[in-house]
């Protein structure tokens, strides 16, 4: 059962509950607890999730935005003038060739706040692919220890994360690739954490991070890499789902929206 929390109740609930996440309603996005960094998760093709992100970005008065969907090179092309044109911004970012869902869902997030500091949290595809073979630390470079990339995952986490990669790719990946796919995910988490630190340094925050739920989870997503590199920053993680998650889901807050009708993603894999 969904229960709308009145103003300030969300903050009180967070203070009282540490072992499990708290469910909220969309109206509670207008009254979020203060934090230096607010991670706003999504199921990428769910338009309601993007509407919620736009509400939260405006409500917290974000001074900077970090997008999983953009590289540094793309973010640097964005100007205040360009932000006034949805079509112009979409074209400049070459969004139609990006593989992300339609730009109309994301554009309201860009203009939900007066923030003009927009950062790309993504890496070039060849860097992500190289992490599969060479490891996240090798690709990330000298700062890898700062973000924990030189430390192996414990066995239990490694097993769970490899199983997650296997399921996410419809059991189509060879077992030999699963460890490399986890390394690619760790690289992407660290890259987004690095972008958050840059955004804080430039603006002082608060910073809103727009990314998928997997990167938002507090136990091993971007927040963990950020805690390693910048432990003094306060963080709020919000997951968005299409069905009720496990009560111990690793987010501070979460909300549920109706699912989107979509084809079975596994239809793209030939498993015969």
C-alpha atoms as a PDB file:
ATOM      1  CA  UNK A   1       0.000   0.000   0.000  1.00  0.00           C
ATOM      2  CA  UNK A   2       1.377   3.423  -0.955  1.00  0.00           C
ATOM      3  CA  UNK A   3       1.184   6.085   1.739  1.00  0.00           C
ATOM      4  CA  UNK A   4       2.022   9.713   0.966  1.00  0.00           C
ATOM      5  CA  UNK A   5       4.369  11.189   3.521  1.00  0.00           C
ATOM      6  CA  UNK A   6       3.739  14.786   4.666  1.00  0.00           C
ATOM      7  CA  UNK A   7       6.556  17.370   4.576  1.00  0.00           C
ATOM      8  CA  UNK A   8       9.527  16.579   6.838  1.00  0.00           C
ATOM      9  CA  UNK A   9       8.300  13.040   7.460  1.00  0.00           C
ATOM     10  CA  UNK A  10      10.669  11.715   4.798  1.00  0.00           C
ATOM     11  CA  UNK A  11      13.664  13.172   6.622  1.00  0.00           C
ATOM     12  CA  UNK A  12      12.450  11.801   9.937  1.00  0.00           C
ATOM     13  CA  UNK A  13      11.918   8.372   8.441  1.00  0.00           C
ATOM     14  CA  UNK A  14      15.422   8.348   7.001  1.00  0.00           C
ATOM     15  CA  UNK A  15      16.844   9.176  10.404  1.00  0.00           C
ATOM     16  CA  UNK A  16      14.947   6.344  12.013  1.00  0.00           C
ATOM     17  CA  UNK A  17      15.422   3.631   9.401  1.00  0.00           C
ATOM     18  CA  UNK A  18      18.929   2.534   8.453  1.00  0.00           C
ATOM     19  CA  UNK A  19      18.634  -1.129   7.517  1.00  0.00           C
ATOM     20  CA  UNK A  20      15.934  -0.783   4.873  1.00  0.00           C
ATOM     21  CA  UNK A  21      14.651   1.692   2.328  1.00  0.00           C
ATOM     22  CA  UNK A  22      11.556   3.845   2.743  1.00  0.00           C
ATOM     23  CA  UNK A  23       8.762   4.015   0.189  1.00  0.00           C
ATOM     24  CA  UNK A  24       7.566   7.453  -0.875  1.00  0.00           C
ATOM     25  CA  UNK A  25       5.040   8.957  -3.280  1.00  0.00           C
ATOM     26  CA  UNK A  26       5.701  11.342  -6.148  1.00  0.00           C
ATOM     27  CA  UNK A  27       4.442  14.261  -4.053  1.00  0.00           C
ATOM     28  CA  UNK A  28       7.237  13.616  -1.560  1.00  0.00           C
ATOM     29  CA  UNK A  29       9.777  14.533  -4.236  1.00  0.00           C
ATOM     30  CA  UNK A  30       8.936  18.167  -3.490  1.00  0.00           C
ATOM     31  CA  UNK A  31      10.161  17.750   0.115  1.00  0.00           C
ATOM     32  CA  UNK A  32      13.345  15.713  -0.024  1.00  0.00           C
ATOM     33  CA  UNK A  33      15.959  15.765   2.741  1.00  0.00           C
ATOM     34  CA  UNK A  34      18.929  18.022   2.050  1.00  0.00           C
ATOM     35  CA  UNK A  35      22.026  16.343   0.605  1.00  0.00           C
ATOM     36  CA  UNK A  36      25.100  17.359  -1.349  1.00  0.00           C
ATOM     37  CA  UNK A  37      24.342  14.718  -3.970  1.00  0.00           C
ATOM     38  CA  UNK A  38      20.939  13.298  -4.873  1.00  0.00           C
ATOM     39  CA  UNK A  39      20.937  10.184  -7.040  1.00  0.00           C
ATOM     40  CA  UNK A  40      17.731   9.877  -9.058  1.00  0.00           C
ATOM     41  CA  UNK A  41      17.324   6.390 -10.478  1.00  0.00           C
ATOM     42  CA  UNK A  42      15.182   5.330 -13.407  1.00  0.00           C
ATOM     43  CA  UNK A  43      14.036   2.561 -15.646  1.00  0.00           C
ATOM     44  CA  UNK A  44      15.357   4.197 -18.782  1.00  0.00           C
ATOM     45  CA  UNK A  45      12.270   3.997 -20.998  1.00  0.00           C
ATOM     46  CA  UNK A  46       9.680   4.899 -18.361  1.00  0.00           C
ATOM     47  CA  UNK A  47       8.496   8.484 -18.987  1.00  0.00           C
ATOM     48  CA  UNK A  48       6.993   8.788 -15.506  1.00  0.00           C
ATOM     49  CA  UNK A  49      10.408   8.215 -13.980  1.00  0.00           C
ATOM     50  CA  UNK A  50      11.816  11.116 -15.973  1.00  0.00           C
ATOM     51  CA  UNK A  51       8.929  13.348 -14.930  1.00  0.00           C
ATOM     52  CA  UNK A  52       9.737  12.473 -11.318  1.00  0.00           C
ATOM     53  CA  UNK A  53      13.404  13.289 -11.875  1.00  0.00           C
ATOM     54  CA  UNK A  54      12.488  16.711 -13.251  1.00  0.00           C
ATOM     55  CA  UNK A  55      10.343  17.391 -10.176  1.00  0.00           C
ATOM     56  CA  UNK A  56      13.161  16.414  -7.820  1.00  0.00           C
ATOM     57  CA  UNK A  57      15.810  18.400  -9.715  1.00  0.00           C
ATOM     58  CA  UNK A  58      13.706  21.526  -9.450  1.00  0.00           C
ATOM     59  CA  UNK A  59      12.694  20.926  -5.851  1.00  0.00           C
ATOM     60  CA  UNK A  60      16.244  20.558  -4.549  1.00  0.00           C
ATOM     61  CA  UNK A  61      17.456  23.523  -6.580  1.00  0.00           C
ATOM     62  CA  UNK A  62      20.228  21.493  -8.175  1.00  0.00           C
ATOM     63  CA  UNK A  63      23.244  23.608  -9.061  1.00  0.00           C
ATOM     64  CA  UNK A  64      24.642  20.915 -11.340  1.00  0.00           C
ATOM     65  CA  UNK A  65      23.410  17.866 -13.215  1.00  0.00           C
ATOM     66  CA  UNK A  66      25.375  14.715 -13.958  1.00  0.00           C
ATOM     67  CA  UNK A  67      23.948  12.505 -16.702  1.00  0.00           C
ATOM     68  CA  UNK A  68      24.841   8.858 -17.254  1.00  0.00           C
ATOM     69  CA  UNK A  69      23.756   9.447 -20.847  1.00  0.00           C
ATOM     70  CA  UNK A  70      26.412  12.057 -21.703  1.00  0.00           C
ATOM     71  CA  UNK A  71      30.168  12.021 -22.111  1.00  0.00           C
ATOM     72  CA  UNK A  72      32.306  15.003 -21.106  1.00  0.00           C
ATOM     73  CA  UNK A  73      32.635  15.954 -24.763  1.00  0.00           C
ATOM     74  CA  UNK A  74      28.861  16.069 -25.196  1.00  0.00           C
ATOM     75  CA  UNK A  75      28.272  18.010 -21.981  1.00  0.00           C
ATOM     76  CA  UNK A  76      30.815  20.649 -22.995  1.00  0.00           C
ATOM     77  CA  UNK A  77      28.752  21.430 -26.104  1.00  0.00           C
ATOM     78  CA  UNK A  78      25.759  22.526 -24.035  1.00  0.00           C
ATOM     79  CA  UNK A  79      25.263  26.284 -23.695  1.00  0.00           C
ATOM     80  CA  UNK A  80      22.491  28.316 -22.011  1.00  0.00           C
ATOM     81  CA  UNK A  81      21.230  29.291 -25.451  1.00  0.00           C
ATOM     82  CA  UNK A  82      21.139  25.673 -26.600  1.00  0.00           C
ATOM     83  CA  UNK A  83      19.105  24.644 -23.567  1.00  0.00           C
ATOM     84  CA  UNK A  84      16.241  26.817 -24.813  1.00  0.00           C
ATOM     85  CA  UNK A  85      15.736  24.573 -27.835  1.00  0.00           C
ATOM     86  CA  UNK A  86      14.706  20.952 -27.353  1.00  0.00           C
ATOM     87  CA  UNK A  87      15.342  20.157 -31.015  1.00  0.00           C
ATOM     88  CA  UNK A  88      18.661  21.994 -31.070  1.00  0.00           C
ATOM     89  CA  UNK A  89      19.917  20.284 -27.947  1.00  0.00           C
ATOM     90  CA  UNK A  90      18.854  16.865 -29.207  1.00  0.00           C
ATOM     91  CA  UNK A  91      20.681  17.429 -32.482  1.00  0.00           C
ATOM     92  CA  UNK A  92      23.828  18.780 -30.846  1.00  0.00           C
ATOM     93  CA  UNK A  93      24.020  15.751 -28.554  1.00  0.00           C
ATOM     94  CA  UNK A  94      23.399  13.384 -31.505  1.00  0.00           C
ATOM     95  CA  UNK A  95      20.806  11.769 -29.273  1.00  0.00           C
ATOM     96  CA  UNK A  96      19.099   9.812 -32.046  1.00  0.00           C
ATOM     97  CA  UNK A  97      22.275   7.783 -32.515  1.00  0.00           C
ATOM     98  CA  UNK A  98      22.918   7.289 -28.815  1.00  0.00           C
ATOM     99  CA  UNK A  99      20.747   4.264 -28.139  1.00  0.00           C
ATOM    100  CA  UNK A 100      18.927   6.021 -25.289  1.00  0.00           C
ATOM    101  CA  UNK A 101      15.118   6.379 -25.231  1.00  0.00           C
ATOM    102  CA  UNK A 102      13.524   9.384 -26.902  1.00  0.00           C
ATOM    103  CA  UNK A 103      14.939  12.760 -25.945  1.00  0.00           C
ATOM    104  CA  UNK A 104      11.517  14.258 -25.187  1.00  0.00           C
ATOM    105  CA  UNK A 105      11.514  12.288 -21.920  1.00  0.00           C
ATOM    106  CA  UNK A 106      14.854  13.723 -20.810  1.00  0.00           C
ATOM    107  CA  UNK A 107      14.585  17.330 -21.968  1.00  0.00           C
ATOM    108  CA  UNK A 108      12.411  18.515 -19.019  1.00  0.00           C
ATOM    109  CA  UNK A 109      15.194  17.430 -16.661  1.00  0.00           C
ATOM    110  CA  UNK A 110      17.706  19.692 -18.411  1.00  0.00           C
ATOM    111  CA  UNK A 111      15.491  22.740 -17.897  1.00  0.00           C
ATOM    112  CA  UNK A 112      14.009  21.891 -14.477  1.00  0.00           C
ATOM    113  CA  UNK A 113      16.489  24.127 -12.671  1.00  0.00           C
ATOM    114  CA  UNK A 114      18.515  27.257 -13.339  1.00  0.00           C
ATOM    115  CA  UNK A 115      21.664  25.148 -13.190  1.00  0.00           C
ATOM    116  CA  UNK A 116      23.854  25.654 -16.198  1.00  0.00           C
ATOM    117  CA  UNK A 117      26.560  23.242 -15.041  1.00  0.00           C
ATOM    118  CA  UNK A 118      25.949  19.952 -16.816  1.00  0.00           C
ATOM    119  CA  UNK A 119      28.438  17.097 -16.573  1.00  0.00           C
ATOM    120  CA  UNK A 120      28.806  13.877 -18.502  1.00  0.00           C
ATOM    121  CA  UNK A 121      29.234  10.749 -16.436  1.00  0.00           C
ATOM    122  CA  UNK A 122      29.686   8.397 -19.379  1.00  0.00           C
ATOM    123  CA  UNK A 123      32.873   7.114 -20.964  1.00  0.00           C
ATOM    124  CA  UNK A 124      33.555   6.441 -24.611  1.00  0.00           C
ATOM    125  CA  UNK A 125      32.412   2.987 -25.658  1.00  0.00           C
ATOM    126  CA  UNK A 126      35.897   1.768 -26.481  1.00  0.00           C
ATOM    127  CA  UNK A 127      37.023   2.528 -22.909  1.00  0.00           C
ATOM    128  CA  UNK A 128      34.123   0.543 -21.462  1.00  0.00           C
ATOM    129  CA  UNK A 129      34.856  -2.357 -23.807  1.00  0.00           C
ATOM    130  CA  UNK A 130      38.522  -2.287 -22.809  1.00  0.00           C
ATOM    131  CA  UNK A 131      37.551  -2.650 -19.156  1.00  0.00           C
ATOM    132  CA  UNK A 132      35.992  -6.019 -19.999  1.00  0.00           C
ATOM    133  CA  UNK A 133      39.375  -7.376 -21.065  1.00  0.00           C
ATOM    134  CA  UNK A 134      41.842  -5.227 -19.110  1.00  0.00           C
ATOM    135  CA  UNK A 135      39.941  -4.398 -15.929  1.00  0.00           C
ATOM    136  CA  UNK A 136      38.461  -1.168 -14.575  1.00  0.00           C
ATOM    137  CA  UNK A 137      41.616  -0.012 -12.787  1.00  0.00           C
ATOM    138  CA  UNK A 138      43.763  -0.271 -15.911  1.00  0.00           C
ATOM    139  CA  UNK A 139      41.355   1.855 -17.936  1.00  0.00           C
ATOM    140  CA  UNK A 140      40.622   4.405 -15.214  1.00  0.00           C
ATOM    141  CA  UNK A 141      44.273   5.226 -14.663  1.00  0.00           C
ATOM    142  CA  UNK A 142      46.221   6.707 -11.758  1.00  0.00           C
ATOM    143  CA  UNK A 143      43.135   7.668  -9.746  1.00  0.00           C
ATOM    144  CA  UNK A 144      41.857   4.082  -9.666  1.00  0.00           C
ATOM    145  CA  UNK A 145      42.905   3.440  -6.028  1.00  0.00           C
ATOM    146  CA  UNK A 146      41.017   6.536  -4.867  1.00  0.00           C
ATOM    147  CA  UNK A 147      37.765   5.033  -6.128  1.00  0.00           C
ATOM    148  CA  UNK A 148      38.487   1.508  -4.885  1.00  0.00           C
ATOM    149  CA  UNK A 149      39.047   0.023  -8.333  1.00  0.00           C
ATOM    150  CA  UNK A 150      42.322  -1.672  -7.432  1.00  0.00           C
ATOM    151  CA  UNK A 151      40.622  -3.726  -4.711  1.00  0.00           C
ATOM    152  CA  UNK A 152      38.923  -6.972  -5.752  1.00  0.00           C
ATOM    153  CA  UNK A 153      35.298  -7.473  -4.822  1.00  0.00           C
ATOM    154  CA  UNK A 154      34.586  -9.976  -2.092  1.00  0.00           C
ATOM    155  CA  UNK A 155      33.571 -13.395  -3.357  1.00  0.00           C
ATOM    156  CA  UNK A 156      29.890 -13.110  -2.428  1.00  0.00           C
ATOM    157  CA  UNK A 157      29.443  -9.780  -4.189  1.00  0.00           C
ATOM    158  CA  UNK A 158      31.344 -10.999  -7.239  1.00  0.00           C
ATOM    159  CA  UNK A 159      29.053 -14.015  -7.570  1.00  0.00           C
ATOM    160  CA  UNK A 160      25.885 -11.937  -7.205  1.00  0.00           C
ATOM    161  CA  UNK A 161      27.041  -9.304  -9.658  1.00  0.00           C
ATOM    162  CA  UNK A 162      28.103 -11.834 -12.267  1.00  0.00           C
ATOM    163  CA  UNK A 163      24.715 -13.515 -11.934  1.00  0.00           C
ATOM    164  CA  UNK A 164      23.086 -10.125 -12.438  1.00  0.00           C
ATOM    165  CA  UNK A 165      25.064  -9.548 -15.620  1.00  0.00           C
ATOM    166  CA  UNK A 166      24.113 -13.004 -16.860  1.00  0.00           C
ATOM    167  CA  UNK A 167      20.415 -12.307 -16.290  1.00  0.00           C
ATOM    168  CA  UNK A 168      20.606  -8.797 -17.739  1.00  0.00           C
ATOM    169  CA  UNK A 169      22.010 -10.237 -20.961  1.00  0.00           C
ATOM    170  CA  UNK A 170      19.350 -12.960 -21.144  1.00  0.00           C
ATOM    171  CA  UNK A 171      21.805 -15.758 -20.301  1.00  0.00           C
ATOM    172  CA  UNK A 172      23.443 -15.154 -23.679  1.00  0.00           C
ATOM    173  CA  UNK A 173      26.933 -14.248 -22.445  1.00  0.00           C
ATOM    174  CA  UNK A 174      29.637 -16.882 -22.032  1.00  0.00           C
ATOM    175  CA  UNK A 175      30.675 -17.386 -18.430  1.00  0.00           C
ATOM    176  CA  UNK A 176      34.173 -16.192 -19.295  1.00  0.00           C
ATOM    177  CA  UNK A 177      32.818 -12.688 -20.019  1.00  0.00           C
ATOM    178  CA  UNK A 178      30.850 -12.148 -16.826  1.00  0.00           C
ATOM    179  CA  UNK A 179      33.769 -10.983 -14.689  1.00  0.00           C
ATOM    180  CA  UNK A 180      34.736  -8.497 -17.378  1.00  0.00           C
ATOM    181  CA  UNK A 181      31.207  -7.143 -17.561  1.00  0.00           C
ATOM    182  CA  UNK A 182      31.312  -6.489 -13.819  1.00  0.00           C
ATOM    183  CA  UNK A 183      34.599  -4.647 -14.315  1.00  0.00           C
ATOM    184  CA  UNK A 184      32.958  -2.472 -16.977  1.00  0.00           C
ATOM    185  CA  UNK A 185      30.181  -1.640 -14.539  1.00  0.00           C
ATOM    186  CA  UNK A 186      32.682  -0.712 -11.837  1.00  0.00           C
ATOM    187  CA  UNK A 187      34.457   1.547 -14.320  1.00  0.00           C
ATOM    188  CA  UNK A 188      31.240   3.333 -15.200  1.00  0.00           C
ATOM    189  CA  UNK A 189      30.379   3.810 -11.520  1.00  0.00           C
ATOM    190  CA  UNK A 190      33.774   5.352 -10.816  1.00  0.00           C
ATOM    191  CA  UNK A 191      33.507   7.626 -13.852  1.00  0.00           C
ATOM    192  CA  UNK A 192      30.183   8.978 -12.663  1.00  0.00           C
ATOM    193  CA  UNK A 193      31.553   9.471  -9.145  1.00  0.00           C
ATOM    194  CA  UNK A 194      34.451  11.439 -10.639  1.00  0.00           C
ATOM    195  CA  UNK A 195      31.976  13.626 -12.540  1.00  0.00           C
ATOM    196  CA  UNK A 196      30.038  14.260  -9.322  1.00  0.00           C
ATOM    197  CA  UNK A 197      33.198  15.426  -7.569  1.00  0.00           C
ATOM    198  CA  UNK A 198      33.933  17.793 -10.452  1.00  0.00           C
ATOM    199  CA  UNK A 199      30.376  19.132 -10.262  1.00  0.00           C
ATOM    200  CA  UNK A 200      30.670  19.739  -6.513  1.00  0.00           C
ATOM    201  CA  UNK A 201      34.031  21.467  -6.973  1.00  0.00           C
ATOM    202  CA  UNK A 202      32.599  23.802  -9.619  1.00  0.00           C
ATOM    203  CA  UNK A 203      29.230  24.623  -8.047  1.00  0.00           C
ATOM    204  CA  UNK A 204      29.251  23.593  -4.389  1.00  0.00           C
ATOM    205  CA  UNK A 205      26.104  21.519  -4.958  1.00  0.00           C
ATOM    206  CA  UNK A 206      23.553  20.228  -4.596  1.00  0.00           C
ATOM    207  CA  UNK A 207      24.212  17.910  -7.517  1.00  0.00           C
ATOM    208  CA  UNK A 208      21.536  15.715  -9.088  1.00  0.00           C
ATOM    209  CA  UNK A 209      22.651  12.509 -10.806  1.00  0.00           C
ATOM    210  CA  UNK A 210      20.416  11.095 -13.550  1.00  0.00           C
ATOM    211  CA  UNK A 211      21.120   7.417 -14.062  1.00  0.00           C
ATOM    212  CA  UNK A 212      19.724   3.909 -14.024  1.00  0.00           C
ATOM    213  CA  UNK A 213      18.761   2.207 -10.781  1.00  0.00           C
ATOM    214  CA  UNK A 214      21.737  -0.131 -10.902  1.00  0.00           C
ATOM    215  CA  UNK A 215      24.157   2.772 -10.624  1.00  0.00           C
ATOM    216  CA  UNK A 216      22.131   4.405  -7.827  1.00  0.00           C
ATOM    217  CA  UNK A 217      22.141   1.500  -5.386  1.00  0.00           C
ATOM    218  CA  UNK A 218      24.063   2.450  -2.291  1.00  0.00           C
ATOM    219  CA  UNK A 219      25.841  -0.826  -1.637  1.00  0.00           C
ATOM    220  CA  UNK A 220      27.907  -1.103  -4.819  1.00  0.00           C
ATOM    221  CA  UNK A 221      26.867   1.591  -7.308  1.00  0.00           C
ATOM    222  CA  UNK A 222      28.173   5.110  -7.818  1.00  0.00           C
ATOM    223  CA  UNK A 223      27.535   6.047  -4.160  1.00  0.00           C
ATOM    224  CA  UNK A 224      30.115   3.520  -2.980  1.00  0.00           C
ATOM    225  CA  UNK A 225      32.768   4.861  -5.337  1.00  0.00           C
ATOM    226  CA  UNK A 226      31.863   8.378  -4.231  1.00  0.00           C
ATOM    227  CA  UNK A 227      32.136   7.497  -0.544  1.00  0.00           C
ATOM    228  CA  UNK A 228      35.625   6.159  -1.158  1.00  0.00           C
ATOM    229  CA  UNK A 229      36.833   9.267  -2.976  1.00  0.00           C
ATOM    230  CA  UNK A 230      34.851  11.985  -1.162  1.00  0.00           C
ATOM    231  CA  UNK A 231      33.641  10.642   2.199  1.00  0.00           C
ATOM    232  CA  UNK A 232      32.527  14.053   3.511  1.00  0.00           C
ATOM    233  CA  UNK A 233      29.769  14.462   0.923  1.00  0.00           C
ATOM    234  CA  UNK A 234      26.213  13.718   2.029  1.00  0.00           C
ATOM    235  CA  UNK A 235      24.268  11.485  -0.345  1.00  0.00           C
ATOM    236  CA  UNK A 236      20.611  10.619  -0.918  1.00  0.00           C
ATOM    237  CA  UNK A 237      19.704   7.684  -3.182  1.00  0.00           C
ATOM    238  CA  UNK A 238      16.265   7.320  -4.758  1.00  0.00           C
ATOM    239  CA  UNK A 239      15.284   4.260  -6.784  1.00  0.00           C
ATOM    240  CA  UNK A 240      12.313   4.081  -9.139  1.00  0.00           C
ATOM    241  CA  UNK A 241      10.626   0.794  -9.917  1.00  0.00           C
ATOM    242  CA  UNK A 242       7.737  -0.712 -11.855  1.00  0.00           C
ATOM    243  CA  UNK A 243       6.847  -3.203  -9.114  1.00  0.00           C
ATOM    244  CA  UNK A 244       7.411  -3.338  -5.383  1.00  0.00           C
ATOM    245  CA  UNK A 245      11.069  -4.178  -4.666  1.00  0.00           C
ATOM    246  CA  UNK A 246      12.525  -6.160  -1.805  1.00  0.00           C
ATOM    247  CA  UNK A 247      12.107  -4.238   1.484  1.00  0.00           C
ATOM    248  CA  UNK A 248      15.890  -4.308   1.916  1.00  0.00           C
ATOM    249  CA  UNK A 249      16.500  -2.729  -1.481  1.00  0.00           C
ATOM    250  CA  UNK A 250      19.748  -0.714  -1.239  1.00  0.00           C
ATOM    251  CA  UNK A 251      18.284   2.784  -1.631  1.00  0.00           C
ATOM    252  CA  UNK A 252      17.406   5.458   0.895  1.00  0.00           C
ATOM    253  CA  UNK A 253      14.025   6.068  -0.728  1.00  0.00           C
ATOM    254  CA  UNK A 254      12.059   4.413  -3.491  1.00  0.00           C
ATOM    255  CA  UNK A 255       8.798   4.754  -5.377  1.00  0.00           C
ATOM    256  CA  UNK A 256       6.785   2.617  -7.757  1.00  0.00           C
ATOM    257  CA  UNK A 257       5.202   3.644 -11.056  1.00  0.00           C
ATOM    258  CA  UNK A 258       3.089   1.724 -13.542  1.00  0.00           C
ATOM    259  CA  UNK A 259       5.166  -0.432 -15.884  1.00  0.00           C
ATOM    260  CA  UNK A 260       5.746   0.544 -19.491  1.00  0.00           C
ATOM    261  CA  UNK A 261       4.624  -1.823 -22.224  1.00  0.00           C
ATOM    262  CA  UNK A 262       7.746  -2.903 -24.056  1.00  0.00           C
ATOM    263  CA  UNK A 263       8.875  -5.859 -26.159  1.00  0.00           C
ATOM    264  CA  UNK A 264      10.802  -8.609 -24.453  1.00  0.00           C
ATOM    265  CA  UNK A 265      14.432  -7.400 -24.501  1.00  0.00           C
ATOM    266  CA  UNK A 266      15.603 -10.986 -24.765  1.00  0.00           C
ATOM    267  CA  UNK A 267      14.047 -11.200 -28.222  1.00  0.00           C
ATOM    268  CA  UNK A 268      17.167  -9.416 -29.502  1.00  0.00           C
ATOM    269  CA  UNK A 269      19.371 -12.298 -28.382  1.00  0.00           C
ATOM    270  CA  UNK A 270      19.605 -15.431 -30.500  1.00  0.00           C
ATOM    271  CA  UNK A 271      20.038 -18.142 -27.883  1.00  0.00           C
ATOM    272  CA  UNK A 272      19.430 -21.157 -30.106  1.00  0.00           C
END
